[in-house]
């Protein structure tokens, strides 16, 4: 899969959850796939290239297009079944709650 583009994530931990954030400008929720298996979380999708037909010259081309996929292995106690996601203003936020300890 050498054609995958790199998508950077910030990963943090609070006392109640693991939080994942990624900048995905221009993407729609339905273009992003979030899957879980065992203690693994995978986020994938595809940045579609914009096709514009103008007479303007393009001098610099830095935005990346193509497929991306990132996998994360979470520690015991992550409740992947109750993961929530939100895509707002081009920022994807995933929250994986921690399981409550049995008293």
Protein backbone atom coordinates (compact mmCIF):
# COMPACT_ATOMS: atom_id res chain seq x y z
CA UNK A 1 0.00 0.00 0.00
CA UNK A 2 2.68 2.48 -0.95
CA UNK A 3 0.05 4.82 -2.42
CA UNK A 4 -1.28 5.77 1.03
CA UNK A 5 -0.88 9.37 2.10
CA UNK A 6 0.12 10.29 5.63
CA UNK A 7 -2.61 11.66 7.89
CA UNK A 8 -1.40 12.91 11.25
CA UNK A 9 -3.29 12.29 14.47
CA UNK A 10 -3.04 13.81 17.91
CA UNK A 11 -3.71 11.16 20.57
CA UNK A 12 -4.34 12.02 24.20
CA UNK A 13 -5.72 10.35 27.29
CA UNK A 14 -8.02 11.75 29.94
CA UNK A 15 -9.14 9.98 33.09
CA UNK A 16 -12.27 8.75 31.24
CA UNK A 17 -11.24 8.29 27.60
CA UNK A 18 -8.69 8.14 24.80
CA UNK A 19 -9.08 11.04 22.34
CA UNK A 20 -7.94 11.01 18.71
CA UNK A 21 -7.94 14.14 16.51
CA UNK A 22 -7.00 14.52 12.86
CA UNK A 23 -7.26 17.38 10.38
CA UNK A 24 -9.28 16.18 7.39
CA UNK A 25 -10.11 19.37 5.49
CA UNK A 26 -12.80 19.11 2.87
CA UNK A 27 -13.85 15.58 3.81
CA UNK A 28 -17.39 14.49 4.61
CA UNK A 29 -18.33 12.05 7.39
CA UNK A 30 -19.46 9.45 4.83
CA UNK A 31 -15.99 9.48 3.21
CA UNK A 32 -14.37 8.27 6.45
CA UNK A 33 -14.48 4.67 7.65
CA UNK A 34 -13.93 3.86 11.32
CA UNK A 35 -13.59 0.20 12.26
CA UNK A 36 -12.66 -1.70 15.40
CA UNK A 37 -11.42 -5.22 15.93
CA UNK A 38 -10.27 -6.57 19.27
CA UNK A 39 -8.29 -3.72 20.79
CA UNK A 40 -7.49 -2.05 17.44
CA UNK A 41 -9.02 1.11 16.02
CA UNK A 42 -8.62 1.88 12.32
CA UNK A 43 -9.50 5.10 10.51
CA UNK A 44 -9.39 5.22 6.72
CA UNK A 45 -10.74 7.25 3.86
CA UNK A 46 -9.87 9.01 0.65
CA UNK A 47 -9.06 12.65 -0.06
CA UNK A 48 -10.51 13.27 -3.52
CA UNK A 49 -8.48 15.47 -5.84
CA UNK A 50 -10.20 18.61 -6.97
CA UNK A 51 -10.48 18.94 -10.73
CA UNK A 52 -10.78 22.51 -11.86
CA UNK A 53 -10.56 23.63 -15.43
CA UNK A 54 -9.30 27.19 -15.54
CA UNK A 55 -6.73 29.17 -17.39
CA UNK A 56 -4.95 30.01 -14.13
CA UNK A 57 -1.43 28.74 -13.60
CA UNK A 58 -0.70 26.53 -10.63
CA UNK A 59 2.57 27.59 -9.03
CA UNK A 60 2.60 25.49 -5.89
CA UNK A 61 0.92 22.17 -5.17
CA UNK A 62 1.26 20.94 -1.57
CA UNK A 63 -2.15 19.52 -0.67
CA UNK A 64 -2.23 15.74 -0.64
CA UNK A 65 -4.84 13.56 -2.29
CA UNK A 66 -5.44 9.84 -2.16
CA UNK A 67 -6.20 7.09 0.36
CA UNK A 68 -5.15 7.15 3.98
CA UNK A 69 -5.35 4.55 6.74
CA UNK A 70 -4.16 4.66 10.33
CA UNK A 71 -4.39 1.92 12.96
CA UNK A 72 -4.00 2.25 16.70
CA UNK A 73 -3.69 -0.51 19.30
CA UNK A 74 -5.36 0.49 22.54
CA UNK A 75 -4.59 -0.82 26.00
CA UNK A 76 -6.86 -3.07 28.03
CA UNK A 77 -9.78 -1.13 29.40
CA UNK A 78 -10.62 0.75 26.19
CA UNK A 79 -14.34 0.45 25.41
CA UNK A 80 -14.21 0.38 21.60
CA UNK A 81 -17.89 -0.59 21.38
CA UNK A 82 -18.87 2.86 22.59
CA UNK A 83 -16.51 4.93 20.43
CA UNK A 84 -17.99 8.21 19.22
CA UNK A 85 -16.91 10.34 16.29
CA UNK A 86 -17.48 13.92 15.22
CA UNK A 87 -16.30 15.72 12.10
CA UNK A 88 -16.58 19.47 12.53
CA UNK A 89 -14.82 22.23 10.62
CA UNK A 90 -12.47 19.68 9.01
CA UNK A 91 -11.35 18.14 12.32
CA UNK A 92 -12.22 14.52 13.08
CA UNK A 93 -12.50 13.77 16.80
CA UNK A 94 -12.82 10.19 18.06
CA UNK A 95 -13.49 9.48 21.71
CA UNK A 96 -12.91 5.96 23.02
CA UNK A 97 -14.22 5.73 26.58
CA UNK A 98 -12.50 3.68 29.22
CA UNK A 99 -14.39 0.79 30.76
CA UNK A 100 -15.44 1.36 34.34
CA UNK A 101 -13.63 -0.81 36.82
CA UNK A 102 -15.86 -3.31 38.60
CA UNK A 103 -16.09 -2.47 42.29
